[in-house]
């Protein structure tokens, strides 16, 4: 069912998953101890209901289908795995190192998205 959707709708779904996942992680400070899949799912549902135009482009029979929900769950797993495995860029590493030197902090980060969060956090502390 997911494969039958237009490429634009599939891209929008992927974007909503990644945007909401990164926003959820930022809301918990990227703290693994605070992570809850149930909380993330609630966050994602709120996000797509309030922000995603794709929901209106999918017929109700597909939206209500258990098969569609299974396919979306698989897509979520893929998107989340990609986010968590993408290495920080050298530019991010250098910028964060410089900011941490200025601020005397030692934040750790494991992926590009977390590095973006840490970099913004440090820039905000400098203000």
PDB file of N, CA and C in Angstrom:
ATOM      1  N   UNK A   1       0.816  -1.188   0.000  1.00  0.00           N
ATOM      2  CA  UNK A   1       0.000   0.000   0.000  1.00  0.00           C
ATOM      3  C   UNK A   1       0.868   1.264   0.000  1.00  0.00           C
ATOM      4  N   UNK A   2       1.890   1.245   0.840  1.00  0.00           N
ATOM      5  CA  UNK A   2       2.802   2.403   0.904  1.00  0.00           C
ATOM      6  C   UNK A   2       3.439   2.635  -0.458  1.00  0.00           C
ATOM      7  N   UNK A   3       3.831   1.547  -1.118  1.00  0.00           N
ATOM      8  CA  UNK A   3       4.500   1.659  -2.412  1.00  0.00           C
ATOM      9  C   UNK A   3       3.595   2.257  -3.477  1.00  0.00           C
ATOM     10  N   UNK A   4       2.286   2.186  -3.283  1.00  0.00           N
ATOM     11  CA  UNK A   4       1.337   2.726  -4.252  1.00  0.00           C
ATOM     12  C   UNK A   4       1.214   4.248  -4.159  1.00  0.00           C
ATOM     13  N   UNK A   5       1.698   4.830  -3.089  1.00  0.00           N
ATOM     14  CA  UNK A   5       1.586   6.270  -2.904  1.00  0.00           C
ATOM     15  C   UNK A   5       2.527   7.005  -3.858  1.00  0.00           C
ATOM     16  N   UNK A   6       2.189   8.244  -4.148  1.00  0.00           N
ATOM     17  CA  UNK A   6       3.055   9.037  -5.027  1.00  0.00           C
ATOM     18  C   UNK A   6       4.398   9.291  -4.338  1.00  0.00           C
ATOM     19  N   UNK A   7       5.404   9.562  -5.129  1.00  0.00           N
ATOM     20  CA  UNK A   7       6.730   9.803  -4.544  1.00  0.00           C
ATOM     21  C   UNK A   7       6.701  11.032  -3.640  1.00  0.00           C
ATOM     22  N   UNK A   8       5.915  12.050  -4.005  1.00  0.00           N
ATOM     23  CA  UNK A   8       5.811  13.248  -3.162  1.00  0.00           C
ATOM     24  C   UNK A   8       5.243  12.944  -1.788  1.00  0.00           C
ATOM     25  N   UNK A   9       4.236  12.090  -1.731  1.00  0.00           N
ATOM     26  CA  UNK A   9       3.634  11.712  -0.447  1.00  0.00           C
ATOM     27  C   UNK A   9       4.626  10.888   0.370  1.00  0.00           C
ATOM     28  N   UNK A  10       5.325   9.963  -0.293  1.00  0.00           N
ATOM     29  CA  UNK A  10       6.307   9.146   0.424  1.00  0.00           C
ATOM     30  C   UNK A  10       7.441  10.013   0.978  1.00  0.00           C
ATOM     31  N   UNK A  11       7.887  10.993   0.203  1.00  0.00           N
ATOM     32  CA  UNK A  11       8.928  11.911   0.681  1.00  0.00           C
ATOM     33  C   UNK A  11       8.415  12.707   1.878  1.00  0.00           C
ATOM     34  N   UNK A  12       7.178  13.152   1.807  1.00  0.00           N
ATOM     35  CA  UNK A  12       6.587  13.913   2.917  1.00  0.00           C
ATOM     36  C   UNK A  12       6.470  13.065   4.179  1.00  0.00           C
ATOM     37  N   UNK A  13       6.102  11.806   4.021  1.00  0.00           N
ATOM     38  CA  UNK A  13       6.011  10.910   5.173  1.00  0.00           C
ATOM     39  C   UNK A  13       7.388  10.739   5.800  1.00  0.00           C
ATOM     40  N   UNK A  14       8.389  10.490   4.964  1.00  0.00           N
ATOM     41  CA  UNK A  14       9.760  10.332   5.460  1.00  0.00           C
ATOM     42  C   UNK A  14      10.219  11.586   6.185  1.00  0.00           C
ATOM     43  N   UNK A  15       9.947  12.730   5.609  1.00  0.00           N
ATOM     44  CA  UNK A  15      10.337  13.998   6.228  1.00  0.00           C
ATOM     45  C   UNK A  15       9.633  14.193   7.578  1.00  0.00           C
ATOM     46  N   UNK A  16       8.362  13.826   7.645  1.00  0.00           N
ATOM     47  CA  UNK A  16       7.642  13.996   8.910  1.00  0.00           C
ATOM     48  C   UNK A  16       8.193  13.066   9.986  1.00  0.00           C
ATOM     49  N   UNK A  17       8.599  11.877   9.588  1.00  0.00           N
ATOM     50  CA  UNK A  17       9.203  10.946  10.549  1.00  0.00           C
ATOM     51  C   UNK A  17      10.515  11.520  11.068  1.00  0.00           C
ATOM     52  N   UNK A  18      11.387  11.951  10.166  1.00  0.00           N
ATOM     53  CA  UNK A  18      12.694  12.450  10.606  1.00  0.00           C
ATOM     54  C   UNK A  18      12.569  13.752  11.386  1.00  0.00           C
ATOM     55  N   UNK A  19      11.737  14.669  10.934  1.00  0.00           N
ATOM     56  CA  UNK A  19      11.569  15.944  11.634  1.00  0.00           C
ATOM     57  C   UNK A  19      11.015  15.727  13.032  1.00  0.00           C
ATOM     58  N   UNK A  20       9.997  14.894  13.142  1.00  0.00           N
ATOM     59  CA  UNK A  20       9.388  14.665  14.455  1.00  0.00           C
ATOM     60  C   UNK A  20      10.324  13.883  15.368  1.00  0.00           C
ATOM     61  N   UNK A  21      11.105  12.947  14.813  1.00  0.00           N
ATOM     62  CA  UNK A  21      12.046  12.181  15.633  1.00  0.00           C
ATOM     63  C   UNK A  21      13.132  13.089  16.201  1.00  0.00           C
ATOM     64  N   UNK A  22      13.701  13.939  15.342  1.00  0.00           N
ATOM     65  CA  UNK A  22      14.737  14.849  15.810  1.00  0.00           C
ATOM     66  C   UNK A  22      14.176  15.862  16.801  1.00  0.00           C
ATOM     67  N   UNK A  23      12.959  16.329  16.581  1.00  0.00           N
ATOM     68  CA  UNK A  23      12.333  17.269  17.525  1.00  0.00           C
ATOM     69  C   UNK A  23      12.062  16.586  18.866  1.00  0.00           C
ATOM     70  N   UNK A  24      11.603  15.338  18.817  1.00  0.00           N
ATOM     71  CA  UNK A  24      11.362  14.604  20.061  1.00  0.00           C
ATOM     72  C   UNK A  24      12.674  14.417  20.828  1.00  0.00           C
ATOM     73  N   UNK A  25      13.726  14.011  20.128  1.00  0.00           N
ATOM     74  CA  UNK A  25      15.016  13.813  20.807  1.00  0.00           C
ATOM     75  C   UNK A  25      15.529  15.125  21.392  1.00  0.00           C
ATOM     76  N   UNK A  26      15.341  16.220  20.675  1.00  0.00           N
ATOM     77  CA  UNK A  26      15.749  17.522  21.209  1.00  0.00           C
ATOM     78  C   UNK A  26      14.951  17.849  22.466  1.00  0.00           C
ATOM     79  N   UNK A  27      13.671  17.487  22.477  1.00  0.00           N
ATOM     80  CA  UNK A  27      12.829  17.793  23.642  1.00  0.00           C
ATOM     81  C   UNK A  27      13.268  17.040  24.894  1.00  0.00           C
ATOM     82  N   UNK A  28      13.965  15.919  24.698  1.00  0.00           N
ATOM     83  CA  UNK A  28      14.478  15.161  25.854  1.00  0.00           C
ATOM     84  C   UNK A  28      15.991  15.323  25.988  1.00  0.00           C
ATOM     85  N   UNK A  29      16.544  16.300  25.272  1.00  0.00           N
ATOM     86  CA  UNK A  29      17.975  16.582  25.353  1.00  0.00           C
ATOM     87  C   UNK A  29      18.856  15.454  24.852  1.00  0.00           C
ATOM     88  N   UNK A  30      18.350  14.676  23.917  1.00  0.00           N
ATOM     89  CA  UNK A  30      19.066  13.530  23.375  1.00  0.00           C
ATOM     90  C   UNK A  30      19.529  12.579  24.486  1.00  0.00           C
ATOM     91  N   UNK A  31      18.758  12.495  25.557  1.00  0.00           N
ATOM     92  CA  UNK A  31      19.072  11.639  26.705  1.00  0.00           C
ATOM     93  C   UNK A  31      18.428  10.266  26.498  1.00  0.00           C
ATOM     94  N   UNK A  32      19.259   9.265  26.246  1.00  0.00           N
ATOM     95  CA  UNK A  32      18.765   7.907  25.992  1.00  0.00           C
ATOM     96  C   UNK A  32      17.919   7.372  27.141  1.00  0.00           C
ATOM     97  N   UNK A  33      18.236   7.783  28.349  1.00  0.00           N
ATOM     98  CA  UNK A  33      17.483   7.321  29.522  1.00  0.00           C
ATOM     99  C   UNK A  33      16.040   7.825  29.515  1.00  0.00           C
ATOM    100  N   UNK A  34      15.813   8.958  28.878  1.00  0.00           N
ATOM    101  CA  UNK A  34      14.473   9.548  28.833  1.00  0.00           C
ATOM    102  C   UNK A  34      13.662   9.087  27.626  1.00  0.00           C
ATOM    103  N   UNK A  35      14.302   8.368  26.708  1.00  0.00           N
ATOM    104  CA  UNK A  35      13.617   7.974  25.476  1.00  0.00           C
ATOM    105  C   UNK A  35      12.504   6.977  25.752  1.00  0.00           C
ATOM    106  N   UNK A  36      11.372   7.231  25.129  1.00  0.00           N
ATOM    107  CA  UNK A  36      10.228   6.329  25.200  1.00  0.00           C
ATOM    108  C   UNK A  36       9.619   6.244  23.806  1.00  0.00           C
ATOM    109  N   UNK A  37       9.553   5.042  23.253  1.00  0.00           N
ATOM    110  CA  UNK A  37       8.971   4.881  21.924  1.00  0.00           C
ATOM    111  C   UNK A  37       7.505   5.314  21.934  1.00  0.00           C
ATOM    112  N   UNK A  38       6.808   5.059  23.016  1.00  0.00           N
ATOM    113  CA  UNK A  38       5.407   5.476  23.112  1.00  0.00           C
ATOM    114  C   UNK A  38       5.289   6.999  23.060  1.00  0.00           C
ATOM    115  N   UNK A  39       6.172   7.685  23.777  1.00  0.00           N
ATOM    116  CA  UNK A  39       6.156   9.145  23.748  1.00  0.00           C
ATOM    117  C   UNK A  39       6.506   9.670  22.360  1.00  0.00           C
ATOM    118  N   UNK A  40       7.495   9.028  21.712  1.00  0.00           N
ATOM    119  CA  UNK A  40       7.837   9.460  20.359  1.00  0.00           C
ATOM    120  C   UNK A  40       6.654   9.249  19.414  1.00  0.00           C
ATOM    121  N   UNK A  41       5.991   8.114  19.505  1.00  0.00           N
ATOM    122  CA  UNK A  41       4.853   7.844  18.623  1.00  0.00           C
ATOM    123  C   UNK A  41       3.758   8.891  18.827  1.00  0.00           C
ATOM    124  N   UNK A  42       3.506   9.254  20.062  1.00  0.00           N
ATOM    125  CA  UNK A  42       2.508  10.293  20.347  1.00  0.00           C
ATOM    126  C   UNK A  42       2.959  11.622  19.748  1.00  0.00           C
ATOM    127  N   UNK A  43       4.241  11.910  19.866  1.00  0.00           N
ATOM    128  CA  UNK A  43       4.803  13.131  19.301  1.00  0.00           C
ATOM    129  C   UNK A  43       4.665  13.138  17.782  1.00  0.00           C
ATOM    130  N   UNK A  44       4.951  12.006  17.147  1.00  0.00           N
ATOM    131  CA  UNK A  44       4.847  11.900  15.698  1.00  0.00           C
ATOM    132  C   UNK A  44       3.407  12.078  15.242  1.00  0.00           C
ATOM    133  N   UNK A  45       2.475  11.447  15.947  1.00  0.00           N
ATOM    134  CA  UNK A  45       1.060  11.584  15.581  1.00  0.00           C
ATOM    135  C   UNK A  45       0.610  13.034  15.692  1.00  0.00           C
ATOM    136  N   UNK A  46       1.015  13.701  16.751  1.00  0.00           N
ATOM    137  CA  UNK A  46       0.673  15.119  16.897  1.00  0.00           C
ATOM    138  C   UNK A  46       1.283  15.921  15.763  1.00  0.00           C
ATOM    139  N   UNK A  47       2.540  15.640  15.458  1.00  0.00           N
ATOM    140  CA  UNK A  47       3.232  16.367  14.396  1.00  0.00           C
ATOM    141  C   UNK A  47       2.506  16.210  13.064  1.00  0.00           C
ATOM    142  N   UNK A  48       2.220  14.967  12.666  1.00  0.00           N
ATOM    143  CA  UNK A  48       1.636  14.822  11.336  1.00  0.00           C
ATOM    144  C   UNK A  48       0.196  15.308  11.274  1.00  0.00           C
ATOM    145  N   UNK A  49      -0.527  15.234  12.371  1.00  0.00           N
ATOM    146  CA  UNK A  49      -1.894  15.761  12.363  1.00  0.00           C
ATOM    147  C   UNK A  49      -1.914  17.280  12.245  1.00  0.00           C
ATOM    148  N   UNK A  50      -0.934  17.935  12.852  1.00  0.00           N
ATOM    149  CA  UNK A  50      -0.892  19.396  12.858  1.00  0.00           C
ATOM    150  C   UNK A  50      -0.103  19.992  11.691  1.00  0.00           C
ATOM    151  N   UNK A  51       0.876  19.260  11.174  1.00  0.00           N
ATOM    152  CA  UNK A  51       1.801  19.846  10.204  1.00  0.00           C
ATOM    153  C   UNK A  51       1.889  19.161   8.849  1.00  0.00           C
ATOM    154  N   UNK A  52       1.395  17.957   8.729  1.00  0.00           N
ATOM    155  CA  UNK A  52       1.639  17.189   7.511  1.00  0.00           C
ATOM    156  C   UNK A  52       0.449  17.238   6.550  1.00  0.00           C
ATOM    157  N   UNK A  53       0.694  17.767   5.376  1.00  0.00           N
ATOM    158  CA  UNK A  53      -0.353  17.827   4.351  1.00  0.00           C
ATOM    159  C   UNK A  53      -0.582  16.453   3.728  1.00  0.00           C
ATOM    160  N   UNK A  54       0.377  15.546   3.851  1.00  0.00           N
ATOM    161  CA  UNK A  54       0.247  14.235   3.215  1.00  0.00           C
ATOM    162  C   UNK A  54      -0.925  13.427   3.746  1.00  0.00           C
ATOM    163  N   UNK A  55      -1.300  13.643   4.977  1.00  0.00           N
ATOM    164  CA  UNK A  55      -2.374  12.846   5.583  1.00  0.00           C
ATOM    165  C   UNK A  55      -3.674  12.992   4.785  1.00  0.00           C
ATOM    166  N   UNK A  56      -3.917  14.180   4.235  1.00  0.00           N
ATOM    167  CA  UNK A  56      -5.136  14.439   3.465  1.00  0.00           C
ATOM    168  C   UNK A  56      -5.069  13.862   2.051  1.00  0.00           C
ATOM    169  N   UNK A  57      -3.887  13.431   1.632  1.00  0.00           N
ATOM    170  CA  UNK A  57      -3.710  12.913   0.273  1.00  0.00           C
ATOM    171  C   UNK A  57      -3.793  11.391   0.211  1.00  0.00           C
ATOM    172  N   UNK A  58      -4.018  10.766   1.356  1.00  0.00           N
ATOM    173  CA  UNK A  58      -4.093   9.305   1.407  1.00  0.00           C
ATOM    174  C   UNK A  58      -5.549   8.915   1.648  1.00  0.00           C
ATOM    175  N   UNK A  59      -6.084   8.050   0.801  1.00  0.00           N
ATOM    176  CA  UNK A  59      -7.470   7.625   0.979  1.00  0.00           C
ATOM    177  C   UNK A  59      -7.698   6.975   2.353  1.00  0.00           C
ATOM    178  N   UNK A  60      -8.884   7.175   2.896  1.00  0.00           N
ATOM    179  CA  UNK A  60      -9.212   6.680   4.236  1.00  0.00           C
ATOM    180  C   UNK A  60      -9.034   5.171   4.348  1.00  0.00           C
ATOM    181  N   UNK A  61      -9.388   4.421   3.294  1.00  0.00           N
ATOM    182  CA  UNK A  61      -9.265   2.962   3.376  1.00  0.00           C
ATOM    183  C   UNK A  61      -7.812   2.534   3.553  1.00  0.00           C
ATOM    184  N   UNK A  62      -6.884   3.284   2.949  1.00  0.00           N
ATOM    185  CA  UNK A  62      -5.456   2.984   3.127  1.00  0.00           C
ATOM    186  C   UNK A  62      -5.010   3.384   4.526  1.00  0.00           C
ATOM    187  N   UNK A  63      -5.405   4.568   4.972  1.00  0.00           N
ATOM    188  CA  UNK A  63      -5.025   5.036   6.308  1.00  0.00           C
ATOM    189  C   UNK A  63      -5.481   4.094   7.409  1.00  0.00           C
ATOM    190  N   UNK A  64      -6.600   3.443   7.221  1.00  0.00           N
ATOM    191  CA  UNK A  64      -7.156   2.558   8.246  1.00  0.00           C
ATOM    192  C   UNK A  64      -6.659   1.121   8.129  1.00  0.00           C
ATOM    193  N   UNK A  65      -5.904   0.845   7.096  1.00  0.00           N
ATOM    194  CA  UNK A  65      -5.445  -0.514   6.843  1.00  0.00           C
ATOM    195  C   UNK A  65      -4.304  -0.919   7.783  1.00  0.00           C
ATOM    196  N   UNK A  66      -4.429  -2.084   8.422  1.00  0.00           N
ATOM    197  CA  UNK A  66      -3.323  -2.586   9.261  1.00  0.00           C
ATOM    198  C   UNK A  66      -2.027  -2.777   8.454  1.00  0.00           C
ATOM    199  N   UNK A  67      -2.171  -3.178   7.195  1.00  0.00           N
ATOM    200  CA  UNK A  67      -0.996  -3.369   6.344  1.00  0.00           C
ATOM    201  C   UNK A  67      -0.247  -2.043   6.157  1.00  0.00           C
ATOM    202  N   UNK A  68      -0.983  -0.963   5.953  1.00  0.00           N
ATOM    203  CA  UNK A  68      -0.368   0.351   5.800  1.00  0.00           C
ATOM    204  C   UNK A  68       0.381   0.733   7.073  1.00  0.00           C
ATOM    205  N   UNK A  69      -0.220   0.469   8.226  1.00  0.00           N
ATOM    206  CA  UNK A  69       0.424   0.805   9.503  1.00  0.00           C
ATOM    207  C   UNK A  69       1.698  -0.011   9.705  1.00  0.00           C
ATOM    208  N   UNK A  70       1.688  -1.262   9.274  1.00  0.00           N
ATOM    209  CA  UNK A  70       2.898  -2.086   9.360  1.00  0.00           C
ATOM    210  C   UNK A  70       3.991  -1.512   8.453  1.00  0.00           C
ATOM    211  N   UNK A  71       3.611  -1.085   7.262  1.00  0.00           N
ATOM    212  CA  UNK A  71       4.574  -0.518   6.331  1.00  0.00           C
ATOM    213  C   UNK A  71       5.138   0.804   6.858  1.00  0.00           C
ATOM    214  N   UNK A  72       4.301   1.613   7.481  1.00  0.00           N
ATOM    215  CA  UNK A  72       4.773   2.871   8.072  1.00  0.00           C
ATOM    216  C   UNK A  72       5.717   2.575   9.230  1.00  0.00           C
ATOM    217  N   UNK A  73       5.409   1.564  10.030  1.00  0.00           N
ATOM    218  CA  UNK A  73       6.296   1.191  11.140  1.00  0.00           C
ATOM    219  C   UNK A  73       7.666   0.777  10.608  1.00  0.00           C
ATOM    220  N   UNK A  74       7.699   0.018   9.519  1.00  0.00           N
ATOM    221  CA  UNK A  74       8.972  -0.378   8.905  1.00  0.00           C
ATOM    222  C   UNK A  74       9.721   0.852   8.397  1.00  0.00           C
ATOM    223  N   UNK A  75       8.982   1.768   7.778  1.00  0.00           N
ATOM    224  CA  UNK A  75       9.594   2.993   7.266  1.00  0.00           C
ATOM    225  C   UNK A  75      10.185   3.803   8.420  1.00  0.00           C
ATOM    226  N   UNK A  76       9.460   3.861   9.523  1.00  0.00           N
ATOM    227  CA  UNK A  76       9.966   4.586  10.697  1.00  0.00           C
ATOM    228  C   UNK A  76      11.270   3.965  11.175  1.00  0.00           C
ATOM    229  N   UNK A  77      11.308   2.646  11.255  1.00  0.00           N
ATOM    230  CA  UNK A  77      12.530   1.957  11.678  1.00  0.00           C
ATOM    231  C   UNK A  77      13.700   2.314  10.762  1.00  0.00           C
ATOM    232  N   UNK A  78      13.444   2.315   9.437  1.00  0.00           N
ATOM    233  CA  UNK A  78      14.498   2.640   8.471  1.00  0.00           C
ATOM    234  C   UNK A  78      14.993   4.074   8.643  1.00  0.00           C
ATOM    235  N   UNK A  79      14.054   5.005   8.768  1.00  0.00           N
ATOM    236  CA  UNK A  79      14.416   6.422   8.885  1.00  0.00           C
ATOM    237  C   UNK A  79      15.197   6.665  10.174  1.00  0.00           C
ATOM    238  N   UNK A  80      14.722   6.101  11.272  1.00  0.00           N
ATOM    239  CA  UNK A  80      15.388   6.282  12.562  1.00  0.00           C
ATOM    240  C   UNK A  80      16.790   5.679  12.519  1.00  0.00           C
ATOM    241  N   UNK A  81      16.915   4.482  11.942  1.00  0.00           N
ATOM    242  CA  UNK A  81      18.239   3.843  11.840  1.00  0.00           C
ATOM    243  C   UNK A  81      19.190   4.704  11.018  1.00  0.00           C
ATOM    244  N   UNK A  82      18.685   5.291   9.944  1.00  0.00           N
ATOM    245  CA  UNK A  82      19.528   6.154   9.103  1.00  0.00           C
ATOM    246  C   UNK A  82      19.969   7.392   9.876  1.00  0.00           C
ATOM    247  N   UNK A  83      19.053   8.017  10.593  1.00  0.00           N
ATOM    248  CA  UNK A  83      19.392   9.216  11.377  1.00  0.00           C
ATOM    249  C   UNK A  83      20.485   8.890  12.388  1.00  0.00           C
ATOM    250  N   UNK A  84      20.308   7.784  13.101  1.00  0.00           N
ATOM    251  CA  UNK A  84      21.234   7.437  14.175  1.00  0.00           C
ATOM    252  C   UNK A  84      22.586   6.925  13.674  1.00  0.00           C
ATOM    253  N   UNK A  85      22.657   6.533  12.409  1.00  0.00           N
ATOM    254  CA  UNK A  85      23.922   5.999  11.894  1.00  0.00           C
ATOM    255  C   UNK A  85      24.704   6.998  11.045  1.00  0.00           C
ATOM    256  N   UNK A  86      24.097   8.138  10.741  1.00  0.00           N
ATOM    257  CA  UNK A  86      24.790   9.127   9.909  1.00  0.00           C
ATOM    258  C   UNK A  86      25.850   9.857  10.731  1.00  0.00           C
ATOM    259  N   UNK A  87      27.081   9.752  10.284  1.00  0.00           N
ATOM    260  CA  UNK A  87      28.219  10.329  11.009  1.00  0.00           C
ATOM    261  C   UNK A  87      28.184  11.856  11.004  1.00  0.00           C
ATOM    262  N   UNK A  88      28.615  12.479  12.098  1.00  0.00           N
ATOM    263  CA  UNK A  88      28.738  13.945  12.097  1.00  0.00           C
ATOM    264  C   UNK A  88      29.764  14.370  11.048  1.00  0.00           C
ATOM    265  N   UNK A  89      29.570  15.549  10.485  1.00  0.00           N
ATOM    266  CA  UNK A  89      30.522  16.046   9.492  1.00  0.00           C
ATOM    267  C   UNK A  89      31.770  16.576  10.200  1.00  0.00           C
ATOM    268  N   UNK A  90      32.839  16.684   9.437  1.00  0.00           N
ATOM    269  CA  UNK A  90      34.064  17.256  10.002  1.00  0.00           C
ATOM    270  C   UNK A  90      33.827  18.696  10.443  1.00  0.00           C
ATOM    271  N   UNK A  91      33.044  19.421   9.663  1.00  0.00           N
ATOM    272  CA  UNK A  91      32.727  20.804  10.023  1.00  0.00           C
ATOM    273  C   UNK A  91      31.989  20.860  11.361  1.00  0.00           C
ATOM    274  N   UNK A  92      31.033  19.970  11.564  1.00  0.00           N
ATOM    275  CA  UNK A  92      30.327  19.928  12.849  1.00  0.00           C
ATOM    276  C   UNK A  92      31.289  19.617  13.994  1.00  0.00           C
ATOM    277  N   UNK A  93      32.143  18.634  13.791  1.00  0.00           N
ATOM    278  CA  UNK A  93      33.093  18.245  14.835  1.00  0.00           C
ATOM    279  C   UNK A  93      34.001  19.417  15.210  1.00  0.00           C
ATOM    280  N   UNK A  94      34.491  20.114  14.199  1.00  0.00           N
ATOM    281  CA  UNK A  94      35.381  21.244  14.451  1.00  0.00           C
ATOM    282  C   UNK A  94      34.657  22.380  15.157  1.00  0.00           C
ATOM    283  N   UNK A  95      33.459  22.692  14.685  1.00  0.00           N
ATOM    284  CA  UNK A  95      32.679  23.782  15.285  1.00  0.00           C
ATOM    285  C   UNK A  95      32.344  23.469  16.746  1.00  0.00           C
ATOM    286  N   UNK A  96      31.920  22.241  16.996  1.00  0.00           N
ATOM    287  CA  UNK A  96      31.574  21.846  18.362  1.00  0.00           C
ATOM    288  C   UNK A  96      32.807  21.870  19.254  1.00  0.00           C
ATOM    289  N   UNK A  97      33.930  21.394  18.738  1.00  0.00           N
ATOM    290  CA  UNK A  97      35.174  21.409  19.520  1.00  0.00           C
ATOM    291  C   UNK A  97      35.535  22.834  19.922  1.00  0.00           C
ATOM    292  N   UNK A  98      35.419  23.761  18.980  1.00  0.00           N
ATOM    293  CA  UNK A  98      35.738  25.169  19.264  1.00  0.00           C
ATOM    294  C   UNK A  98      34.764  25.754  20.292  1.00  0.00           C
ATOM    295  N   UNK A  99      33.496  25.488  20.115  1.00  0.00           N
ATOM    296  CA  UNK A  99      32.494  25.999  21.058  1.00  0.00           C
ATOM    297  C   UNK A  99      32.702  25.410  22.456  1.00  0.00           C
ATOM    298  N   UNK A 100      33.012  24.122  22.513  1.00  0.00           N
ATOM    299  CA  UNK A 100      33.221  23.480  23.813  1.00  0.00           C
ATOM    300  C   UNK A 100      34.468  24.033  24.491  1.00  0.00           C
ATOM    301  N   UNK A 101      35.465  24.344  23.699  1.00  0.00           N
ATOM    302  CA  UNK A 101      36.682  24.941  24.254  1.00  0.00           C
ATOM    303  C   UNK A 101      36.347  26.294  24.881  1.00  0.00           C
ATOM    304  N   UNK A 102      35.558  27.099  24.178  1.00  0.00           N
ATOM    305  CA  UNK A 102      35.164  28.417  24.680  1.00  0.00           C
ATOM    306  C   UNK A 102      34.314  28.318  25.948  1.00  0.00           C
ATOM    307  N   UNK A 103      33.444  27.306  25.985  1.00  0.00           N
ATOM    308  CA  UNK A 103      32.493  27.198  27.090  1.00  0.00           C
ATOM    309  C   UNK A 103      32.950  26.262  28.206  1.00  0.00           C
ATOM    310  N   UNK A 104      34.006  25.511  27.968  1.00  0.00           N
ATOM    311  CA  UNK A 104      34.485  24.567  28.967  1.00  0.00           C
ATOM    312  C   UNK A 104      33.525  23.402  29.173  1.00  0.00           C
ATOM    313  N   UNK A 105      32.873  22.974  28.096  1.00  0.00           N
ATOM    314  CA  UNK A 105      31.934  21.852  28.192  1.00  0.00           C
ATOM    315  C   UNK A 105      32.515  20.629  27.515  1.00  0.00           C
ATOM    316  N   UNK A 106      31.840  19.509  27.682  1.00  0.00           N
ATOM    317  CA  UNK A 106      32.307  18.264  27.077  1.00  0.00           C
ATOM    318  C   UNK A 106      31.114  17.412  26.645  1.00  0.00           C
ATOM    319  N   UNK A 107      30.257  17.974  25.813  1.00  0.00           N
ATOM    320  CA  UNK A 107      29.110  17.224  25.315  1.00  0.00           C
ATOM    321  C   UNK A 107      29.568  16.151  24.337  1.00  0.00           C
ATOM    322  N   UNK A 108      28.943  14.998  24.428  1.00  0.00           N
ATOM    323  CA  UNK A 108      29.213  13.895  23.512  1.00  0.00           C
ATOM    324  C   UNK A 108      28.102  13.864  22.465  1.00  0.00           C
ATOM    325  N   UNK A 109      28.424  13.382  21.285  1.00  0.00           N
ATOM    326  CA  UNK A 109      27.438  13.232  20.219  1.00  0.00           C
ATOM    327  C   UNK A 109      27.875  12.091  19.325  1.00  0.00           C
ATOM    328  N   UNK A 110      26.902  11.347  18.841  1.00  0.00           N
ATOM    329  CA  UNK A 110      27.226  10.152  18.073  1.00  0.00           C
ATOM    330  C   UNK A 110      26.809  10.197  16.614  1.00  0.00           C
ATOM    331  N   UNK A 111      25.901  11.092  16.265  1.00  0.00           N
ATOM    332  CA  UNK A 111      25.434  11.140  14.891  1.00  0.00           C
ATOM    333  C   UNK A 111      25.291  12.589  14.437  1.00  0.00           C
ATOM    334  N   UNK A 112      25.057  12.758  13.152  1.00  0.00           N
ATOM    335  CA  UNK A 112      24.970  14.093  12.568  1.00  0.00           C
ATOM    336  C   UNK A 112      23.833  14.906  13.194  1.00  0.00           C
ATOM    337  N   UNK A 113      22.686  14.284  13.398  1.00  0.00           N
ATOM    338  CA  UNK A 113      21.545  15.002  13.968  1.00  0.00           C
ATOM    339  C   UNK A 113      21.812  15.420  15.413  1.00  0.00           C
ATOM    340  N   UNK A 114      22.441  14.547  16.175  1.00  0.00           N
ATOM    341  CA  UNK A 114      22.778  14.899  17.556  1.00  0.00           C
ATOM    342  C   UNK A 114      23.831  16.000  17.585  1.00  0.00           C
ATOM    343  N   UNK A 115      24.768  15.945  16.652  1.00  0.00           N
ATOM    344  CA  UNK A 115      25.786  16.990  16.560  1.00  0.00           C
ATOM    345  C   UNK A 115      25.128  18.336  16.258  1.00  0.00           C
ATOM    346  N   UNK A 116      24.132  18.341  15.386  1.00  0.00           N
ATOM    347  CA  UNK A 116      23.421  19.585  15.078  1.00  0.00           C
ATOM    348  C   UNK A 116      22.730  20.121  16.333  1.00  0.00           C
ATOM    349  N   UNK A 117      22.156  19.228  17.118  1.00  0.00           N
ATOM    350  CA  UNK A 117      21.518  19.623  18.375  1.00  0.00           C
ATOM    351  C   UNK A 117      22.547  20.226  19.342  1.00  0.00           C
ATOM    352  N   UNK A 118      23.672  19.536  19.515  1.00  0.00           N
ATOM    353  CA  UNK A 118      24.718  19.995  20.437  1.00  0.00           C
ATOM    354  C   UNK A 118      25.286  21.335  19.969  1.00  0.00           C
ATOM    355  N   UNK A 119      25.521  21.453  18.686  1.00  0.00           N
ATOM    356  CA  UNK A 119      26.064  22.701  18.149  1.00  0.00           C
ATOM    357  C   UNK A 119      25.115  23.872  18.439  1.00  0.00           C
ATOM    358  N   UNK A 120      23.836  23.670  18.208  1.00  0.00           N
ATOM    359  CA  UNK A 120      22.869  24.740  18.471  1.00  0.00           C
ATOM    360  C   UNK A 120      22.781  25.044  19.965  1.00  0.00           C
ATOM    361  N   UNK A 121      22.824  24.018  20.779  1.00  0.00           N
ATOM    362  CA  UNK A 121      22.790  24.187  22.236  1.00  0.00           C
ATOM    363  C   UNK A 121      23.970  25.055  22.696  1.00  0.00           C
ATOM    364  N   UNK A 122      25.150  24.755  22.169  1.00  0.00           N
ATOM    365  CA  UNK A 122      26.351  25.509  22.549  1.00  0.00           C
ATOM    366  C   UNK A 122      26.280  26.945  22.032  1.00  0.00           C
ATOM    367  N   UNK A 123      25.797  27.137  20.825  1.00  0.00           N
ATOM    368  CA  UNK A 123      25.652  28.498  20.284  1.00  0.00           C
ATOM    369  C   UNK A 123      24.677  29.299  21.134  1.00  0.00           C
ATOM    370  N   UNK A 124      23.610  28.660  21.576  1.00  0.00           N
ATOM    371  CA  UNK A 124      22.636  29.351  22.428  1.00  0.00           C
ATOM    372  C   UNK A 124      23.248  29.737  23.774  1.00  0.00           C
ATOM    373  N   UNK A 125      24.140  28.885  24.280  1.00  0.00           N
ATOM    374  CA  UNK A 125      24.802  29.193  25.559  1.00  0.00           C
ATOM    375  C   UNK A 125      25.755  30.385  25.421  1.00  0.00           C
ATOM    376  N   UNK A 126      26.302  30.587  24.240  1.00  0.00           N
ATOM    377  CA  UNK A 126      27.215  31.707  24.022  1.00  0.00           C
ATOM    378  C   UNK A 126      26.480  33.046  23.951  1.00  0.00           C
ATOM    379  N   UNK A 127      25.203  33.007  23.651  1.00  0.00           N
ATOM    380  CA  UNK A 127      24.431  34.249  23.511  1.00  0.00           C
ATOM    381  C   UNK A 127      24.193  34.918  24.834  1.00  0.00           C
TER     382      UNK A 127
END
